[in-house]
Amino acid sequence: MKANYTAVFYKCEGWWIGRVAEIPGVNTQGKTKKEVRANLKEALLGILELNRELAAKEAGPNAVQEELIVELAS
């Protein structure tokens, strides 16, 4: 499955800082924008996986999970 997110980058005191606009808490830093982009992808995948695991635990055995497809307006 492929999804698009908005990466926000800025430079601060010699470091590149990056965050994912749509998901609070997904942020990182690095010496280059390329490094930050790679770090953001890794952080985003980690947060999504963790959130799925937590949701499954909280929902319990009677919950039904399914994929939700959303088309964003441009």
N, C-alpha and C. Protein backbone atom coordinates (compact mmCIF):
# COMPACT_ATOMS: atom_id res chain seq x y z
N MET A 1 0.84 -1.17 0.00
CA MET A 1 0.00 0.00 0.00
C MET A 1 0.89 1.25 0.00
N LYS A 2 0.50 2.21 -0.78
CA LYS A 2 1.27 3.45 -0.89
C LYS A 2 0.43 4.60 -0.35
N ALA A 3 1.05 5.48 0.41
CA ALA A 3 0.37 6.66 0.94
C ALA A 3 1.29 7.87 0.82
N ASN A 4 0.70 9.02 0.70
CA ASN A 4 1.47 10.25 0.60
C ASN A 4 1.31 11.08 1.86
N TYR A 5 2.42 11.62 2.34
CA TYR A 5 2.43 12.49 3.50
C TYR A 5 3.22 13.74 3.15
N THR A 6 3.07 14.76 3.95
CA THR A 6 3.78 16.02 3.71
C THR A 6 4.97 16.11 4.65
N ALA A 7 6.17 16.15 4.09
CA ALA A 7 7.39 16.33 4.87
C ALA A 7 7.71 17.82 4.90
N VAL A 8 8.00 18.31 6.09
CA VAL A 8 8.36 19.72 6.27
C VAL A 8 9.82 19.76 6.74
N PHE A 9 10.66 20.50 6.02
CA PHE A 9 12.09 20.58 6.33
C PHE A 9 12.48 22.03 6.61
N TYR A 10 13.40 22.21 7.52
CA TYR A 10 14.01 23.52 7.71
C TYR A 10 15.40 23.33 8.33
N LYS A 11 16.23 24.35 8.18
CA LYS A 11 17.59 24.28 8.68
C LYS A 11 17.71 25.12 9.95
N CYS A 12 18.39 24.57 10.94
CA CYS A 12 18.54 25.25 12.22
C CYS A 12 19.93 24.96 12.79
N GLU A 13 20.74 25.98 12.92
CA GLU A 13 22.08 25.86 13.50
C GLU A 13 22.91 24.73 12.87
N GLY A 14 22.87 24.65 11.55
CA GLY A 14 23.69 23.68 10.83
C GLY A 14 23.06 22.31 10.68
N TRP A 15 21.90 22.08 11.27
CA TRP A 15 21.22 20.79 11.17
C TRP A 15 19.95 20.95 10.34
N TRP A 16 19.58 19.90 9.63
CA TRP A 16 18.29 19.85 8.98
C TRP A 16 17.32 19.20 9.94
N ILE A 17 16.15 19.80 10.08
CA ILE A 17 15.08 19.28 10.93
C ILE A 17 13.94 18.91 9.98
N GLY A 18 13.27 17.81 10.27
CA GLY A 18 12.15 17.40 9.44
C GLY A 18 11.03 16.83 10.28
N ARG A 19 9.81 17.01 9.80
CA ARG A 19 8.65 16.43 10.47
C ARG A 19 7.61 16.05 9.42
N VAL A 20 6.70 15.19 9.82
CA VAL A 20 5.59 14.82 8.95
C VAL A 20 4.38 15.62 9.43
N ALA A 21 3.85 16.45 8.56
CA ALA A 21 2.80 17.40 8.94
C ALA A 21 1.54 16.70 9.46
N GLU A 22 1.18 15.58 8.89
CA GLU A 22 -0.08 14.93 9.23
C GLU A 22 -0.04 14.07 10.50
N ILE A 23 1.14 13.71 10.96
CA ILE A 23 1.26 12.80 12.10
C ILE A 23 2.11 13.45 13.18
N PRO A 24 1.48 13.98 14.24
CA PRO A 24 2.27 14.59 15.33
C PRO A 24 3.26 13.58 15.92
N GLY A 25 4.43 14.06 16.23
CA GLY A 25 5.45 13.21 16.85
C GLY A 25 6.40 12.54 15.89
N VAL A 26 6.14 12.61 14.59
CA VAL A 26 7.07 12.03 13.61
C VAL A 26 7.99 13.15 13.17
N ASN A 27 9.16 13.20 13.78
CA ASN A 27 10.14 14.23 13.45
C ASN A 27 11.54 13.68 13.69
N THR A 28 12.51 14.33 13.06
CA THR A 28 13.89 13.88 13.17
C THR A 28 14.82 15.00 12.75
N GLN A 29 16.11 14.74 12.83
CA GLN A 29 17.10 15.71 12.38
C GLN A 29 18.27 14.97 11.74
N GLY A 30 19.08 15.72 11.00
CA GLY A 30 20.25 15.13 10.37
C GLY A 30 21.12 16.22 9.77
N LYS A 31 22.30 15.83 9.33
CA LYS A 31 23.23 16.79 8.74
C LYS A 31 22.84 17.18 7.31
N THR A 32 22.09 16.31 6.62
CA THR A 32 21.65 16.61 5.26
C THR A 32 20.15 16.38 5.15
N LYS A 33 19.54 17.05 4.17
CA LYS A 33 18.11 16.85 3.94
C LYS A 33 17.84 15.41 3.51
N LYS A 34 18.74 14.83 2.74
CA LYS A 34 18.59 13.44 2.31
C LYS A 34 18.55 12.50 3.52
N GLU A 35 19.43 12.74 4.49
CA GLU A 35 19.46 11.93 5.70
C GLU A 35 18.16 12.07 6.48
N VAL A 36 17.67 13.30 6.60
CA VAL A 36 16.43 13.55 7.33
C VAL A 36 15.25 12.88 6.63
N ARG A 37 15.20 12.94 5.31
CA ARG A 37 14.13 12.29 4.56
C ARG A 37 14.10 10.79 4.85
N ALA A 38 15.26 10.16 4.83
CA ALA A 38 15.34 8.72 5.13
C ALA A 38 14.92 8.44 6.57
N ASN A 39 15.37 9.28 7.50
CA ASN A 39 15.00 9.11 8.90
C ASN A 39 13.49 9.27 9.11
N LEU A 40 12.89 10.23 8.39
CA LEU A 40 11.45 10.45 8.51
C LEU A 40 10.66 9.23 8.04
N LYS A 41 11.09 8.65 6.94
CA LYS A 41 10.40 7.45 6.44
C LYS A 41 10.46 6.33 7.47
N GLU A 42 11.61 6.13 8.05
CA GLU A 42 11.78 5.09 9.07
C GLU A 42 10.93 5.39 10.30
N ALA A 43 10.94 6.65 10.75
CA ALA A 43 10.16 7.04 11.93
C ALA A 43 8.66 6.89 11.67
N LEU A 44 8.21 7.28 10.49
CA LEU A 44 6.80 7.18 10.14
C LEU A 44 6.34 5.72 10.13
N LEU A 45 7.12 4.86 9.49
CA LEU A 45 6.77 3.44 9.46
C LEU A 45 6.72 2.86 10.88
N GLY A 46 7.65 3.26 11.71
CA GLY A 46 7.67 2.78 13.10
C GLY A 46 6.45 3.23 13.88
N ILE A 47 6.07 4.49 13.74
CA ILE A 47 4.90 5.02 14.45
C ILE A 47 3.62 4.34 13.96
N LEU A 48 3.48 4.17 12.66
CA LEU A 48 2.28 3.52 12.13
C LEU A 48 2.15 2.09 12.63
N GLU A 49 3.24 1.37 12.65
CA GLU A 49 3.22 -0.02 13.13
C GLU A 49 2.88 -0.06 14.62
N LEU A 50 3.49 0.80 15.40
CA LEU A 50 3.21 0.85 16.84
C LEU A 50 1.75 1.19 17.09
N ASN A 51 1.22 2.18 16.37
CA ASN A 51 -0.19 2.55 16.54
C ASN A 51 -1.12 1.40 16.19
N ARG A 52 -0.79 0.63 15.16
CA ARG A 52 -1.61 -0.54 14.80
C ARG A 52 -1.61 -1.56 15.93
N GLU A 53 -0.44 -1.83 16.49
CA GLU A 53 -0.32 -2.79 17.58
C GLU A 53 -1.10 -2.33 18.81
N LEU A 54 -0.97 -1.05 19.17
CA LEU A 54 -1.68 -0.52 20.32
C LEU A 54 -3.20 -0.56 20.11
N ALA A 55 -3.64 -0.22 18.92
CA ALA A 55 -5.08 -0.24 18.61
C ALA A 55 -5.63 -1.65 18.71
N ALA A 56 -4.89 -2.64 18.24
CA ALA A 56 -5.34 -4.03 18.31
C ALA A 56 -5.45 -4.49 19.75
N LYS A 57 -4.49 -4.12 20.60
CA LYS A 57 -4.53 -4.49 22.01
C LYS A 57 -5.71 -3.83 22.72
N GLU A 58 -5.92 -2.55 22.46
CA GLU A 58 -6.98 -1.80 23.12
C GLU A 58 -8.37 -2.26 22.67
N ALA A 59 -8.49 -2.67 21.42
CA ALA A 59 -9.79 -3.05 20.87
C ALA A 59 -10.30 -4.37 21.43
N GLY A 60 -9.39 -5.27 21.70
CA GLY A 60 -9.78 -6.56 22.24
C GLY A 60 -10.16 -7.56 21.16
N PRO A 61 -10.51 -8.78 21.58
CA PRO A 61 -10.72 -9.87 20.64
C PRO A 61 -12.00 -9.76 19.79
N ASN A 62 -12.96 -8.94 20.21
CA ASN A 62 -14.21 -8.84 19.45
C ASN A 62 -14.19 -7.75 18.39
N ALA A 63 -13.11 -7.02 18.31
CA ALA A 63 -13.01 -5.92 17.34
C ALA A 63 -12.77 -6.44 15.94
N VAL A 64 -13.25 -5.70 14.98
CA VAL A 64 -13.02 -6.00 13.57
C VAL A 64 -12.19 -4.86 12.99
N GLN A 65 -11.08 -5.21 12.37
CA GLN A 65 -10.25 -4.20 11.75
C GLN A 65 -10.32 -4.37 10.24
N GLU A 66 -10.37 -3.25 9.53
CA GLU A 66 -10.36 -3.29 8.08
C GLU A 66 -9.64 -2.07 7.54
N GLU A 67 -9.21 -2.18 6.31
CA GLU A 67 -8.51 -1.07 5.67
C GLU A 67 -9.50 0.03 5.33
N LEU A 68 -9.13 1.26 5.60
CA LEU A 68 -9.94 2.42 5.29
C LEU A 68 -9.23 3.21 4.20
N ILE A 69 -9.88 3.38 3.08
CA ILE A 69 -9.29 4.10 1.95
C ILE A 69 -9.92 5.49 1.89
N VAL A 70 -9.06 6.49 1.90
CA VAL A 70 -9.51 7.88 1.89
C VAL A 70 -8.83 8.60 0.73
N GLU A 71 -9.61 9.30 -0.06
CA GLU A 71 -9.04 10.11 -1.13
C GLU A 71 -9.04 11.54 -0.67
N LEU A 72 -7.87 12.14 -0.60
CA LEU A 72 -7.75 13.51 -0.14
C LEU A 72 -8.01 14.48 -1.28
N ALA A 73 -8.67 15.57 -0.95
CA ALA A 73 -8.91 16.62 -1.94
C ALA A 73 -7.59 17.33 -2.21
N SER A 74 -7.39 17.72 -3.45
CA SER A 74 -6.14 18.39 -3.79
C SER A 74 -6.26 19.88 -3.72
